Amino acid sequence: MIEFEDPTLPTARAVDRDEVRDAFKGMASIVKSNLPAGREQSLVLTKLDEAAMWSEEAFKRVPLAASGA
């Protein structure tokens, strides 16, 4: 999963980002524990990683006021 910090992200947004990131990590853990190793598991993990990357981009692009937070 994506592992980097953005020092320009306001603290409130960083907390939100961390919550979303933790949800992706939890889902990846569930997938690894419950799906047999193989192509399908790999595809699920790849798509989770892609979704996590796009969520990181969303936090960078959407201002705090526009996010409803």
C-alpha atoms as a PDB file:
ATOM      1  CA  MET A   1       0.000   0.000   0.000  1.00  0.00           C
ATOM      2  CA  ILE A   2       1.025   3.617  -0.401  1.00  0.00           C
ATOM      3  CA  GLU A   3       3.367   4.770   2.342  1.00  0.00           C
ATOM      4  CA  PHE A   4       4.234   8.446   2.207  1.00  0.00           C
ATOM      5  CA  GLU A   5       3.414  11.621   4.075  1.00  0.00           C
ATOM      6  CA  ASP A   6       2.454  14.992   2.651  1.00  0.00           C
ATOM      7  CA  PRO A   7       3.830  17.733   4.938  1.00  0.00           C
ATOM      8  CA  THR A   8       1.645  20.353   3.197  1.00  0.00           C
ATOM      9  CA  LEU A   9      -1.625  18.636   4.170  1.00  0.00           C
ATOM     10  CA  PRO A  10      -3.460  20.483   6.984  1.00  0.00           C
ATOM     11  CA  THR A  11      -3.675  18.512  10.232  1.00  0.00           C
ATOM     12  CA  ALA A  12      -7.451  17.960   9.990  1.00  0.00           C
ATOM     13  CA  ARG A  13      -7.072  16.572   6.481  1.00  0.00           C
ATOM     14  CA  ALA A  14      -4.137  14.405   7.565  1.00  0.00           C
ATOM     15  CA  VAL A  15      -6.373  12.794  10.194  1.00  0.00           C
ATOM     16  CA  ASP A  16      -9.056  12.135   7.554  1.00  0.00           C
ATOM     17  CA  ARG A  17      -6.437  10.786   5.143  1.00  0.00           C
ATOM     18  CA  ASP A  18      -5.057   8.477   7.830  1.00  0.00           C
ATOM     19  CA  GLU A  19      -8.546   7.121   8.538  1.00  0.00           C
ATOM     20  CA  VAL A  20      -9.084   6.326   4.856  1.00  0.00           C
ATOM     21  CA  ARG A  21      -5.577   4.852   4.564  1.00  0.00           C
ATOM     22  CA  ASP A  22      -6.217   2.630   7.602  1.00  0.00           C
ATOM     23  CA  ALA A  23      -9.462   1.404   6.024  1.00  0.00           C
ATOM     24  CA  PHE A  24      -7.576   0.370   2.875  1.00  0.00           C
ATOM     25  CA  LYS A  25      -4.918  -1.399   4.952  1.00  0.00           C
ATOM     26  CA  GLY A  26      -7.643  -3.220   6.883  1.00  0.00           C
ATOM     27  CA  MET A  27      -9.351  -4.326   3.698  1.00  0.00           C
ATOM     28  CA  ALA A  28      -6.035  -5.543   2.267  1.00  0.00           C
ATOM     29  CA  SER A  29      -5.474  -7.562   5.436  1.00  0.00           C
ATOM     30  CA  ILE A  30      -8.955  -9.123   5.168  1.00  0.00           C
ATOM     31  CA  VAL A  31      -8.353 -10.001   1.510  1.00  0.00           C
ATOM     32  CA  LYS A  32      -4.995 -11.628   2.301  1.00  0.00           C
ATOM     33  CA  SER A  33      -6.547 -13.609   5.160  1.00  0.00           C
ATOM     34  CA  ASN A  34      -9.674 -14.783   3.367  1.00  0.00           C
ATOM     35  CA  LEU A  35      -8.914 -15.170  -0.323  1.00  0.00           C
ATOM     36  CA  PRO A  36      -6.648 -17.919  -1.605  1.00  0.00           C
ATOM     37  CA  ALA A  37      -3.329 -16.725  -3.003  1.00  0.00           C
ATOM     38  CA  GLY A  38      -3.445 -16.429  -6.755  1.00  0.00           C
ATOM     39  CA  ARG A  39      -4.372 -14.210  -9.629  1.00  0.00           C
ATOM     40  CA  GLU A  40      -7.712 -13.114  -8.173  1.00  0.00           C
ATOM     41  CA  GLN A  41      -6.214 -12.109  -4.822  1.00  0.00           C
ATOM     42  CA  SER A  42      -3.458 -10.248  -6.644  1.00  0.00           C
ATOM     43  CA  LEU A  43      -5.993  -8.357  -8.751  1.00  0.00           C
ATOM     44  CA  VAL A  44      -8.040  -7.392  -5.710  1.00  0.00           C
ATOM     45  CA  LEU A  45      -4.923  -6.087  -3.945  1.00  0.00           C
ATOM     46  CA  THR A  46      -3.838  -4.207  -7.074  1.00  0.00           C
ATOM     47  CA  LYS A  47      -7.216  -2.496  -7.340  1.00  0.00           C
ATOM     48  CA  LEU A  48      -7.180  -1.630  -3.631  1.00  0.00           C
ATOM     49  CA  ASP A  49      -3.743  -0.100  -4.085  1.00  0.00           C
ATOM     50  CA  GLU A  50      -5.021   1.893  -7.066  1.00  0.00           C
ATOM     51  CA  ALA A  51      -8.031   3.132  -5.097  1.00  0.00           C
ATOM     52  CA  ALA A  52      -5.761   4.103  -2.197  1.00  0.00           C
ATOM     53  CA  MET A  53      -3.565   6.075  -4.587  1.00  0.00           C
ATOM     54  CA  TRP A  54      -6.576   7.977  -5.961  1.00  0.00           C
ATOM     55  CA  SER A  55      -7.807   8.727  -2.444  1.00  0.00           C
ATOM     56  CA  GLU A  56      -4.383  10.243  -1.684  1.00  0.00           C
ATOM     57  CA  GLU A  57      -4.703  12.396  -4.804  1.00  0.00           C
ATOM     58  CA  ALA A  58      -8.185  13.511  -3.762  1.00  0.00           C
ATOM     59  CA  PHE A  59      -6.873  14.707  -0.399  1.00  0.00           C
ATOM     60  CA  LYS A  60      -4.221  16.740  -2.185  1.00  0.00           C
ATOM     61  CA  ARG A  61      -6.608  18.335  -4.675  1.00  0.00           C
ATOM     62  CA  VAL A  62      -9.766  19.070  -2.700  1.00  0.00           C
ATOM     63  CA  PRO A  63      -9.481  22.011  -0.279  1.00  0.00           C
ATOM     64  CA  LEU A  64     -10.595  21.482   3.333  1.00  0.00           C
ATOM     65  CA  ALA A  65     -13.608  23.832   2.991  1.00  0.00           C
ATOM     66  CA  ALA A  66     -14.891  21.993  -0.087  1.00  0.00           C
ATOM     67  CA  SER A  67     -14.644  18.602   1.595  1.00  0.00           C
ATOM     68  CA  GLY A  68     -17.384  19.350   4.109  1.00  0.00           C
ATOM     69  CA  ALA A  69     -14.998  18.809   7.042  1.00  0.00           C
END
